Amino acid sequence: MVVLFSMLDGNKEIPCAVSTSAMDDMEGVVRAKASPREAQFMRLRERIEACANGKYQATEFEGTPPGIVLCSIEFRKLR
């Protein structure tokens, strides 16, 4: 499962997603319930957006249409 969000580059909207397992790994929890996901995203927002921006700057897009997908491994690189 993923949480969808977007970034803006001027007027261009960049679709993004972060896996729920990545968010759980960052907080050290095992499979958080679906209902508090929005609050979890907001707590981790700064770190998630920094990681997404790094992938955007490196032009590491995935999927169709191209977007940014964040998994646990991206956050391990930042430690």
Protein backbone atom coordinates (compact mmCIF):
# COMPACT_ATOMS: atom_id res chain seq x y z
CA MET A 1 0.00 0.00 0.00
CA VAL A 2 1.10 3.57 -0.61
CA VAL A 3 0.18 7.09 0.38
CA LEU A 4 -0.17 9.36 -2.63
CA PHE A 5 0.96 12.98 -2.61
CA SER A 6 2.29 15.46 -5.14
CA MET A 7 5.06 18.02 -5.48
CA LEU A 8 5.09 21.17 -7.55
CA ASP A 9 7.84 22.41 -9.83
CA GLY A 10 6.49 25.78 -10.83
CA ASN A 11 3.13 24.93 -12.37
CA LYS A 12 4.10 21.31 -13.05
CA GLU A 13 2.57 18.75 -10.68
CA ILE A 14 4.75 15.71 -9.94
CA PRO A 15 2.83 12.61 -8.75
CA CYS A 16 4.49 10.90 -5.79
CA ALA A 17 3.90 7.93 -3.51
CA VAL A 18 5.51 6.63 -0.34
CA SER A 19 5.02 3.04 0.76
CA THR A 20 3.28 2.50 4.06
CA SER A 21 6.00 0.02 5.00
CA ALA A 22 8.62 2.78 4.53
CA MET A 23 6.67 5.05 6.87
CA ASP A 24 6.35 2.22 9.41
CA ASP A 25 10.10 1.55 9.17
CA MET A 26 10.88 5.23 9.81
CA GLU A 27 8.76 5.21 12.96
CA GLY A 28 9.77 1.75 14.08
CA VAL A 29 6.23 0.39 14.11
CA VAL A 30 4.84 -2.83 12.69
CA ARG A 31 1.97 -2.29 10.27
CA ALA A 32 0.23 0.80 11.54
CA LYS A 33 -3.53 0.77 11.10
CA ALA A 34 -4.96 2.50 8.04
CA SER A 35 -6.90 5.14 9.97
CA PRO A 36 -3.87 7.05 11.38
CA ARG A 37 -1.91 7.06 8.09
CA GLU A 38 -2.59 10.71 7.36
CA ALA A 39 -1.26 11.73 10.79
CA GLN A 40 1.75 9.44 10.28
CA PHE A 41 2.45 11.06 6.90
CA MET A 42 2.22 14.53 8.46
CA ARG A 43 4.72 13.58 11.20
CA LEU A 44 7.15 12.27 8.55
CA ARG A 45 6.31 14.85 5.89
CA GLU A 46 9.56 16.82 6.02
CA ARG A 47 11.69 13.70 5.64
CA ILE A 48 9.43 12.23 2.92
CA GLU A 49 9.43 15.46 0.91
CA ALA A 50 13.22 15.81 1.21
CA CYS A 51 13.67 12.28 -0.13
CA ALA A 52 11.18 12.87 -2.96
CA ASN A 53 12.94 16.11 -3.88
CA GLY A 54 16.28 14.28 -4.00
CA LYS A 55 14.86 11.69 -6.41
CA TYR A 56 13.28 14.46 -8.48
CA GLN A 57 16.57 16.38 -8.73
CA ALA A 58 18.29 13.13 -9.79
CA THR A 59 15.46 12.52 -12.33
CA GLU A 60 14.73 9.10 -10.84
CA PHE A 61 11.17 8.74 -12.14
CA GLU A 62 9.16 5.53 -12.23
CA GLY A 63 5.90 4.40 -13.80
CA THR A 64 3.51 5.79 -16.36
CA PRO A 65 2.93 8.68 -16.07
CA PRO A 66 6.40 9.23 -14.62
CA GLY A 67 6.43 9.98 -10.91
CA ILE A 68 8.39 9.54 -7.72
CA VAL A 69 7.98 6.32 -5.71
CA LEU A 70 9.59 6.08 -2.29
CA CYS A 71 10.32 2.76 -0.60
CA SER A 72 12.15 1.87 2.60
CA ILE A 73 15.52 1.62 0.84
CA GLU A 74 15.47 5.33 -0.13
CA PHE A 75 15.26 6.30 3.54
CA ARG A 76 18.04 3.91 4.56
CA LYS A 77 20.35 5.78 2.15
CA LEU A 78 19.74 9.00 4.13
CA ARG A 79 20.85 7.61 7.50
